[in-house]
Amino acid sequence: MKLLPSCHDVQTELTEYLEGALPLRRRLGIWLHLLLCRVCAGFLRGLEALPGVAKRSLAAPAKAPEAATLALAQVQAQVQAALRKEK
């Protein structure tokens, strides 16, 4: 096994690299590769940014648009009416 892994190897093992799940020799090889390769370093930055992007995209908007608020109120009223009919 060579010390400096290929770009393909690095990109397929970045998750394990970030989690610290690789053997020391492999982590060092990837670390060295990341110092020398701008493409893989960019790939790593993108991977590191994913949790923040996901968190922001799932956050509720500060204020729902009026149309969405109105639609939600109508759906809730219909559900309540249907529940009353079942009783």
PDB file of N, CA and C in Angstrom:
ATOM      1  N   MET A   1       0.840  -1.172   0.000  1.00  0.00           N
ATOM      2  CA  MET A   1       0.000   0.000   0.000  1.00  0.00           C
ATOM      3  C   MET A   1       0.888   1.240   0.000  1.00  0.00           C
ATOM      4  N   LYS A   2       0.598   2.145  -0.898  1.00  0.00           N
ATOM      5  CA  LYS A   2       1.395   3.374  -0.969  1.00  0.00           C
ATOM      6  C   LYS A   2       0.902   4.395   0.060  1.00  0.00           C
ATOM      7  N   LEU A   3       1.807   5.253   0.489  1.00  0.00           N
ATOM      8  CA  LEU A   3       1.464   6.239   1.514  1.00  0.00           C
ATOM      9  C   LEU A   3       0.479   7.277   0.983  1.00  0.00           C
ATOM     10  N   LEU A   4       0.709   7.789  -0.227  1.00  0.00           N
ATOM     11  CA  LEU A   4      -0.143   8.847  -0.769  1.00  0.00           C
ATOM     12  C   LEU A   4      -1.259   8.232  -1.609  1.00  0.00           C
ATOM     13  N   PRO A   5      -2.496   8.276  -1.122  1.00  0.00           N
ATOM     14  CA  PRO A   5      -3.613   7.689  -1.854  1.00  0.00           C
ATOM     15  C   PRO A   5      -4.012   8.542  -3.055  1.00  0.00           C
ATOM     16  N   SER A   6      -4.738   7.927  -3.978  1.00  0.00           N
ATOM     17  CA  SER A   6      -5.232   8.635  -5.163  1.00  0.00           C
ATOM     18  C   SER A   6      -6.425   9.510  -4.779  1.00  0.00           C
ATOM     19  N   CYS A   7      -6.810  10.404  -5.685  1.00  0.00           N
ATOM     20  CA  CYS A   7      -7.981  11.258  -5.443  1.00  0.00           C
ATOM     21  C   CYS A   7      -9.221  10.393  -5.218  1.00  0.00           C
ATOM     22  N   HIS A   8      -9.385   9.356  -6.007  1.00  0.00           N
ATOM     23  CA  HIS A   8     -10.545   8.472  -5.855  1.00  0.00           C
ATOM     24  C   HIS A   8     -10.561   7.847  -4.459  1.00  0.00           C
ATOM     25  N   ASP A   9      -9.416   7.353  -4.023  1.00  0.00           N
ATOM     26  CA  ASP A   9      -9.328   6.752  -2.688  1.00  0.00           C
ATOM     27  C   ASP A   9      -9.684   7.764  -1.604  1.00  0.00           C
ATOM     28  N   VAL A  10      -9.146   8.955  -1.728  1.00  0.00           N
ATOM     29  CA  VAL A  10      -9.393  10.001  -0.723  1.00  0.00           C
ATOM     30  C   VAL A  10     -10.874  10.336  -0.671  1.00  0.00           C
ATOM     31  N   GLN A  11     -11.475  10.566  -1.834  1.00  0.00           N
ATOM     32  CA  GLN A  11     -12.871  10.990  -1.861  1.00  0.00           C
ATOM     33  C   GLN A  11     -13.823   9.907  -1.377  1.00  0.00           C
ATOM     34  N   THR A  12     -13.464   8.650  -1.537  1.00  0.00           N
ATOM     35  CA  THR A  12     -14.334   7.579  -1.047  1.00  0.00           C
ATOM     36  C   THR A  12     -14.141   7.318   0.446  1.00  0.00           C
ATOM     37  N   GLU A  13     -13.057   7.803   1.023  1.00  0.00           N
ATOM     38  CA  GLU A  13     -12.783   7.555   2.441  1.00  0.00           C
ATOM     39  C   GLU A  13     -12.890   8.798   3.316  1.00  0.00           C
ATOM     40  N   LEU A  14     -13.358   9.906   2.759  1.00  0.00           N
ATOM     41  CA  LEU A  14     -13.390  11.140   3.537  1.00  0.00           C
ATOM     42  C   LEU A  14     -14.311  11.075   4.755  1.00  0.00           C
ATOM     43  N   THR A  15     -15.425  10.398   4.646  1.00  0.00           N
ATOM     44  CA  THR A  15     -16.316  10.289   5.800  1.00  0.00           C
ATOM     45  C   THR A  15     -15.614   9.578   6.947  1.00  0.00           C
ATOM     46  N   GLU A  16     -14.972   8.457   6.623  1.00  0.00           N
ATOM     47  CA  GLU A  16     -14.237   7.723   7.651  1.00  0.00           C
ATOM     48  C   GLU A  16     -13.081   8.552   8.197  1.00  0.00           C
ATOM     49  N   TYR A  17     -12.446   9.338   7.316  1.00  0.00           N
ATOM     50  CA  TYR A  17     -11.351  10.223   7.729  1.00  0.00           C
ATOM     51  C   TYR A  17     -11.867  11.238   8.756  1.00  0.00           C
ATOM     52  N   LEU A  18     -13.009  11.863   8.460  1.00  0.00           N
ATOM     53  CA  LEU A  18     -13.578  12.857   9.374  1.00  0.00           C
ATOM     54  C   LEU A  18     -14.002  12.241  10.700  1.00  0.00           C
ATOM     55  N   GLU A  19     -14.449  11.001  10.655  1.00  0.00           N
ATOM     56  CA  GLU A  19     -14.893  10.324  11.870  1.00  0.00           C
ATOM     57  C   GLU A  19     -13.736   9.734  12.668  1.00  0.00           C
ATOM     58  N   GLY A  20     -12.531   9.760  12.098  1.00  0.00           N
ATOM     59  CA  GLY A  20     -11.377   9.184  12.784  1.00  0.00           C
ATOM     60  C   GLY A  20     -11.388   7.672  12.784  1.00  0.00           C
ATOM     61  N   ALA A  21     -12.057   7.078  11.807  1.00  0.00           N
ATOM     62  CA  ALA A  21     -12.232   5.629  11.781  1.00  0.00           C
ATOM     63  C   ALA A  21     -11.153   4.900  10.975  1.00  0.00           C
ATOM     64  N   LEU A  22     -10.203   5.622  10.420  1.00  0.00           N
ATOM     65  CA  LEU A  22      -9.151   4.993   9.617  1.00  0.00           C
ATOM     66  C   LEU A  22      -7.896   4.763  10.460  1.00  0.00           C
ATOM     67  N   PRO A  23      -7.115   3.783  10.057  1.00  0.00           N
ATOM     68  CA  PRO A  23      -5.832   3.578  10.742  1.00  0.00           C
ATOM     69  C   PRO A  23      -4.937   4.812  10.579  1.00  0.00           C
ATOM     70  N   LEU A  24      -4.024   4.994  11.508  1.00  0.00           N
ATOM     71  CA  LEU A  24      -3.156   6.168  11.512  1.00  0.00           C
ATOM     72  C   LEU A  24      -2.429   6.360  10.188  1.00  0.00           C
ATOM     73  N   ARG A  25      -1.850   5.319   9.649  1.00  0.00           N
ATOM     74  CA  ARG A  25      -1.104   5.433   8.385  1.00  0.00           C
ATOM     75  C   ARG A  25      -2.001   5.954   7.263  1.00  0.00           C
ATOM     76  N   ARG A  26      -3.238   5.460   7.217  1.00  0.00           N
ATOM     77  CA  ARG A  26      -4.170   5.898   6.166  1.00  0.00           C
ATOM     78  C   ARG A  26      -4.574   7.352   6.395  1.00  0.00           C
ATOM     79  N   ARG A  27      -4.851   7.721   7.644  1.00  0.00           N
ATOM     80  CA  ARG A  27      -5.211   9.119   7.949  1.00  0.00           C
ATOM     81  C   ARG A  27      -4.093  10.071   7.563  1.00  0.00           C
ATOM     82  N   LEU A  28      -2.859   9.690   7.846  1.00  0.00           N
ATOM     83  CA  LEU A  28      -1.717  10.541   7.484  1.00  0.00           C
ATOM     84  C   LEU A  28      -1.597  10.686   5.975  1.00  0.00           C
ATOM     85  N   GLY A  29      -1.815   9.580   5.261  1.00  0.00           N
ATOM     86  CA  GLY A  29      -1.761   9.636   3.798  1.00  0.00           C
ATOM     87  C   GLY A  29      -2.817  10.566   3.231  1.00  0.00           C
ATOM     88  N   ILE A  30      -4.015  10.475   3.767  1.00  0.00           N
ATOM     89  CA  ILE A  30      -5.099  11.345   3.298  1.00  0.00           C
ATOM     90  C   ILE A  30      -4.812  12.789   3.674  1.00  0.00           C
ATOM     91  N   TRP A  31      -4.335  13.003   4.888  1.00  0.00           N
ATOM     92  CA  TRP A  31      -3.997  14.366   5.317  1.00  0.00           C
ATOM     93  C   TRP A  31      -2.959  14.990   4.383  1.00  0.00           C
ATOM     94  N   LEU A  32      -1.931  14.222   4.054  1.00  0.00           N
ATOM     95  CA  LEU A  32      -0.893  14.714   3.144  1.00  0.00           C
ATOM     96  C   LEU A  32      -1.471  14.994   1.764  1.00  0.00           C
ATOM     97  N   HIS A  33      -2.305  14.099   1.273  1.00  0.00           N
ATOM     98  CA  HIS A  33      -2.946  14.298  -0.025  1.00  0.00           C
ATOM     99  C   HIS A  33      -3.773  15.586  -0.017  1.00  0.00           C
ATOM    100  N   LEU A  34      -4.510  15.815   1.073  1.00  0.00           N
ATOM    101  CA  LEU A  34      -5.346  17.016   1.164  1.00  0.00           C
ATOM    102  C   LEU A  34      -4.513  18.294   1.174  1.00  0.00           C
ATOM    103  N   LEU A  35      -3.298  18.221   1.716  1.00  0.00           N
ATOM    104  CA  LEU A  35      -2.405  19.387   1.688  1.00  0.00           C
ATOM    105  C   LEU A  35      -1.956  19.711   0.267  1.00  0.00           C
ATOM    106  N   LEU A  36      -1.844  18.692  -0.566  1.00  0.00           N
ATOM    107  CA  LEU A  36      -1.296  18.862  -1.913  1.00  0.00           C
ATOM    108  C   LEU A  36      -2.356  19.010  -3.001  1.00  0.00           C
ATOM    109  N   CYS A  37      -3.576  18.580  -2.746  1.00  0.00           N
ATOM    110  CA  CYS A  37      -4.603  18.527  -3.791  1.00  0.00           C
ATOM    111  C   CYS A  37      -5.750  19.475  -3.470  1.00  0.00           C
ATOM    112  N   ARG A  38      -5.871  20.535  -4.251  1.00  0.00           N
ATOM    113  CA  ARG A  38      -6.934  21.520  -4.026  1.00  0.00           C
ATOM    114  C   ARG A  38      -8.319  20.936  -4.294  1.00  0.00           C
ATOM    115  N   VAL A  39      -8.421  20.038  -5.253  1.00  0.00           N
ATOM    116  CA  VAL A  39      -9.716  19.439  -5.589  1.00  0.00           C
ATOM    117  C   VAL A  39     -10.245  18.629  -4.409  1.00  0.00           C
ATOM    118  N   CYS A  40      -9.431  17.753  -3.869  1.00  0.00           N
ATOM    119  CA  CYS A  40      -9.863  16.932  -2.736  1.00  0.00           C
ATOM    120  C   CYS A  40     -10.079  17.773  -1.484  1.00  0.00           C
ATOM    121  N   ALA A  41      -9.261  18.798  -1.290  1.00  0.00           N
ATOM    122  CA  ALA A  41      -9.456  19.693  -0.150  1.00  0.00           C
ATOM    123  C   ALA A  41     -10.804  20.412  -0.269  1.00  0.00           C
ATOM    124  N   GLY A  42     -11.184  20.796  -1.480  1.00  0.00           N
ATOM    125  CA  GLY A  42     -12.494  21.406  -1.707  1.00  0.00           C
ATOM    126  C   GLY A  42     -13.626  20.424  -1.456  1.00  0.00           C
ATOM    127  N   PHE A  43     -13.405  19.186  -1.871  1.00  0.00           N
ATOM    128  CA  PHE A  43     -14.385  18.131  -1.618  1.00  0.00           C
ATOM    129  C   PHE A  43     -14.590  17.961  -0.117  1.00  0.00           C
ATOM    130  N   LEU A  44     -13.499  17.992   0.638  1.00  0.00           N
ATOM    131  CA  LEU A  44     -13.570  17.879   2.100  1.00  0.00           C
ATOM    132  C   LEU A  44     -14.335  19.056   2.701  1.00  0.00           C
ATOM    133  N   ARG A  45     -14.047  20.266   2.237  1.00  0.00           N
ATOM    134  CA  ARG A  45     -14.762  21.444   2.752  1.00  0.00           C
ATOM    135  C   ARG A  45     -16.261  21.320   2.493  1.00  0.00           C
ATOM    136  N   GLY A  46     -16.628  20.827   1.318  1.00  0.00           N
ATOM    137  CA  GLY A  46     -18.043  20.629   1.004  1.00  0.00           C
ATOM    138  C   GLY A  46     -18.681  19.605   1.929  1.00  0.00           C
ATOM    139  N   LEU A  47     -17.974  18.536   2.180  1.00  0.00           N
ATOM    140  CA  LEU A  47     -18.482  17.492   3.070  1.00  0.00           C
ATOM    141  C   LEU A  47     -18.636  18.020   4.493  1.00  0.00           C
ATOM    142  N   GLU A  48     -17.690  18.831   4.937  1.00  0.00           N
ATOM    143  CA  GLU A  48     -17.767  19.408   6.285  1.00  0.00           C
ATOM    144  C   GLU A  48     -18.929  20.399   6.405  1.00  0.00           C
ATOM    145  N   ALA A  49     -19.313  21.027   5.298  1.00  0.00           N
ATOM    146  CA  ALA A  49     -20.389  22.021   5.317  1.00  0.00           C
ATOM    147  C   ALA A  49     -21.776  21.390   5.307  1.00  0.00           C
ATOM    148  N   LEU A  50     -21.894  20.129   4.937  1.00  0.00           N
ATOM    149  CA  LEU A  50     -23.211  19.499   4.784  1.00  0.00           C
ATOM    150  C   LEU A  50     -24.097  19.553   6.029  1.00  0.00           C
ATOM    151  N   PRO A  51     -23.597  19.263   7.221  1.00  0.00           N
ATOM    152  CA  PRO A  51     -24.506  19.320   8.381  1.00  0.00           C
ATOM    153  C   PRO A  51     -25.129  20.705   8.582  1.00  0.00           C
ATOM    154  N   GLY A  52     -24.355  21.749   8.400  1.00  0.00           N
ATOM    155  CA  GLY A  52     -24.888  23.105   8.551  1.00  0.00           C
ATOM    156  C   GLY A  52     -25.904  23.436   7.478  1.00  0.00           C
ATOM    157  N   VAL A  53     -25.644  23.018   6.255  1.00  0.00           N
ATOM    158  CA  VAL A  53     -26.582  23.252   5.153  1.00  0.00           C
ATOM    159  C   VAL A  53     -27.892  22.521   5.426  1.00  0.00           C
ATOM    160  N   ALA A  54     -27.788  21.272   5.862  1.00  0.00           N
ATOM    161  CA  ALA A  54     -28.992  20.496   6.157  1.00  0.00           C
ATOM    162  C   ALA A  54     -29.787  21.130   7.287  1.00  0.00           C
ATOM    163  N   LYS A  55     -29.104  21.568   8.319  1.00  0.00           N
ATOM    164  CA  LYS A  55     -29.787  22.186   9.459  1.00  0.00           C
ATOM    165  C   LYS A  55     -30.517  23.456   9.036  1.00  0.00           C
ATOM    166  N   ARG A  56     -29.852  24.291   8.238  1.00  0.00           N
ATOM    167  CA  ARG A  56     -30.486  25.532   7.781  1.00  0.00           C
ATOM    168  C   ARG A  56     -31.660  25.249   6.852  1.00  0.00           C
ATOM    169  N   SER A  57     -31.554  24.229   6.004  1.00  0.00           N
ATOM    170  CA  SER A  57     -32.632  23.956   5.055  1.00  0.00           C
ATOM    171  C   SER A  57     -33.855  23.360   5.741  1.00  0.00           C
ATOM    172  N   LEU A  58     -33.670  22.714   6.889  1.00  0.00           N
ATOM    173  CA  LEU A  58     -34.791  22.116   7.599  1.00  0.00           C
ATOM    174  C   LEU A  58     -35.423  23.050   8.620  1.00  0.00           C
ATOM    175  N   ALA A  59     -34.787  24.173   8.870  1.00  0.00           N
ATOM    176  CA  ALA A  59     -35.323  25.116   9.852  1.00  0.00           C
ATOM    177  C   ALA A  59     -36.601  25.763   9.316  1.00  0.00           C
ATOM    178  N   ALA A  60     -37.540  25.969  10.199  1.00  0.00           N
ATOM    179  CA  ALA A  60     -38.786  26.627   9.811  1.00  0.00           C
ATOM    180  C   ALA A  60     -38.506  28.088   9.485  1.00  0.00           C
ATOM    181  N   PRO A  61     -39.191  28.606   8.485  1.00  0.00           N
ATOM    182  CA  PRO A  61     -38.991  30.028   8.172  1.00  0.00           C
ATOM    183  C   PRO A  61     -39.450  30.896   9.342  1.00  0.00           C
ATOM    184  N   ALA A  62     -38.846  32.048   9.462  1.00  0.00           N
ATOM    185  CA  ALA A  62     -39.175  32.946  10.565  1.00  0.00           C
ATOM    186  C   ALA A  62     -40.657  33.313  10.556  1.00  0.00           C
ATOM    187  N   LYS A  63     -41.205  33.548   9.368  1.00  0.00           N
ATOM    188  CA  LYS A  63     -42.620  33.890   9.254  1.00  0.00           C
ATOM    189  C   LYS A  63     -43.146  33.249   7.977  1.00  0.00           C
ATOM    190  N   ALA A  64     -44.182  32.448   8.127  1.00  0.00           N
ATOM    191  CA  ALA A  64     -44.759  31.783   6.959  1.00  0.00           C
ATOM    192  C   ALA A  64     -45.501  32.807   6.108  1.00  0.00           C
ATOM    193  N   PRO A  65     -45.450  32.669   4.795  1.00  0.00           N
ATOM    194  CA  PRO A  65     -46.216  33.574   3.931  1.00  0.00           C
ATOM    195  C   PRO A  65     -47.717  33.459   4.244  1.00  0.00           C
ATOM    196  N   GLU A  66     -48.431  34.518   4.010  1.00  0.00           N
ATOM    197  CA  GLU A  66     -49.858  34.548   4.332  1.00  0.00           C
ATOM    198  C   GLU A  66     -50.620  33.425   3.646  1.00  0.00           C
ATOM    199  N   ALA A  67     -50.308  33.146   2.387  1.00  0.00           N
ATOM    200  CA  ALA A  67     -51.024  32.097   1.656  1.00  0.00           C
ATOM    201  C   ALA A  67     -50.836  30.741   2.325  1.00  0.00           C
ATOM    202  N   ALA A  68     -49.618  30.463   2.788  1.00  0.00           N
ATOM    203  CA  ALA A  68     -49.355  29.186   3.449  1.00  0.00           C
ATOM    204  C   ALA A  68     -50.073  29.115   4.787  1.00  0.00           C
ATOM    205  N   THR A  69     -50.104  30.207   5.511  1.00  0.00           N
ATOM    206  CA  THR A  69     -50.802  30.247   6.797  1.00  0.00           C
ATOM    207  C   THR A  69     -52.295  30.017   6.594  1.00  0.00           C
ATOM    208  N   LEU A  70     -52.859  30.659   5.579  1.00  0.00           N
ATOM    209  CA  LEU A  70     -54.276  30.502   5.269  1.00  0.00           C
ATOM    210  C   LEU A  70     -54.582  29.065   4.852  1.00  0.00           C
ATOM    211  N   ALA A  71     -53.760  28.493   3.985  1.00  0.00           N
ATOM    212  CA  ALA A  71     -53.965  27.116   3.537  1.00  0.00           C
ATOM    213  C   ALA A  71     -53.902  26.146   4.713  1.00  0.00           C
ATOM    214  N   LEU A  72     -52.950  26.341   5.609  1.00  0.00           N
ATOM    215  CA  LEU A  72     -52.836  25.480   6.780  1.00  0.00           C
ATOM    216  C   LEU A  72     -54.076  25.595   7.656  1.00  0.00           C
ATOM    217  N   ALA A  73     -54.582  26.786   7.852  1.00  0.00           N
ATOM    218  CA  ALA A  73     -55.786  26.985   8.664  1.00  0.00           C
ATOM    219  C   ALA A  73     -56.983  26.284   8.028  1.00  0.00           C
ATOM    220  N   GLN A  74     -57.085  26.337   6.703  1.00  0.00           N
ATOM    221  CA  GLN A  74     -58.186  25.662   6.010  1.00  0.00           C
ATOM    222  C   GLN A  74     -58.092  24.151   6.161  1.00  0.00           C
ATOM    223  N   VAL A  75     -56.903  23.610   6.023  1.00  0.00           N
ATOM    224  CA  VAL A  75     -56.719  22.164   6.178  1.00  0.00           C
ATOM    225  C   VAL A  75     -57.044  21.748   7.605  1.00  0.00           C
ATOM    226  N   GLN A  76     -56.595  22.518   8.576  1.00  0.00           N
ATOM    227  CA  GLN A  76     -56.888  22.187   9.974  1.00  0.00           C
ATOM    228  C   GLN A  76     -58.388  22.234  10.242  1.00  0.00           C
ATOM    229  N   ALA A  77     -59.087  23.199   9.663  1.00  0.00           N
ATOM    230  CA  ALA A  77     -60.537  23.299   9.841  1.00  0.00           C
ATOM    231  C   ALA A  77     -61.231  22.103   9.213  1.00  0.00           C
ATOM    232  N   GLN A  78     -60.781  21.664   8.044  1.00  0.00           N
ATOM    233  CA  GLN A  78     -61.377  20.500   7.382  1.00  0.00           C
ATOM    234  C   GLN A  78     -61.142  19.230   8.189  1.00  0.00           C
ATOM    235  N   VAL A  79     -59.967  19.098   8.751  1.00  0.00           N
ATOM    236  CA  VAL A  79     -59.666  17.928   9.575  1.00  0.00           C
ATOM    237  C   VAL A  79     -60.550  17.928  10.814  1.00  0.00           C
ATOM    238  N   GLN A  80     -60.687  19.069  11.457  1.00  0.00           N
ATOM    239  CA  GLN A  80     -61.541  19.169  12.640  1.00  0.00           C
ATOM    240  C   GLN A  80     -62.991  18.842  12.299  1.00  0.00           C
ATOM    241  N   ALA A  81     -63.475  19.337  11.154  1.00  0.00           N
ATOM    242  CA  ALA A  81     -64.853  19.049  10.732  1.00  0.00           C
ATOM    243  C   ALA A  81     -65.029  17.563  10.474  1.00  0.00           C
ATOM    244  N   ALA A  82     -64.081  16.932   9.832  1.00  0.00           N
ATOM    245  CA  ALA A  82     -64.153  15.496   9.548  1.00  0.00           C
ATOM    246  C   ALA A  82     -64.144  14.696  10.835  1.00  0.00           C
ATOM    247  N   LEU A  83     -63.349  15.101  11.804  1.00  0.00           N
ATOM    248  CA  LEU A  83     -63.291  14.410  13.089  1.00  0.00           C
ATOM    249  C   LEU A  83     -64.618  14.534  13.847  1.00  0.00           C
ATOM    250  N   ARG A  84     -65.266  15.704  13.760  1.00  0.00           N
ATOM    251  CA  ARG A  84     -66.545  15.904  14.430  1.00  0.00           C
ATOM    252  C   ARG A  84     -67.633  15.022  13.808  1.00  0.00           C
ATOM    253  N   LYS A  85     -67.580  14.836  12.475  1.00  0.00           N
ATOM    254  CA  LYS A  85     -68.574  14.004  11.787  1.00  0.00           C
ATOM    255  C   LYS A  85     -68.446  12.543  12.191  1.00  0.00           C
ATOM    256  N   GLU A  86     -67.236  12.086  12.482  1.00  0.00           N
ATOM    257  CA  GLU A  86     -67.003  10.695  12.853  1.00  0.00           C
ATOM    258  C   GLU A  86     -67.581  10.372  14.221  1.00  0.00           C
ATOM    259  N   LYS A  87     -67.724  11.345  15.077  1.00  0.00           N
ATOM    260  CA  LYS A  87     -68.199  11.094  16.459  1.00  0.00           C
ATOM    261  C   LYS A  87     -69.651  10.875  16.482  1.00  0.00           C
TER     262      LYS A  87
END
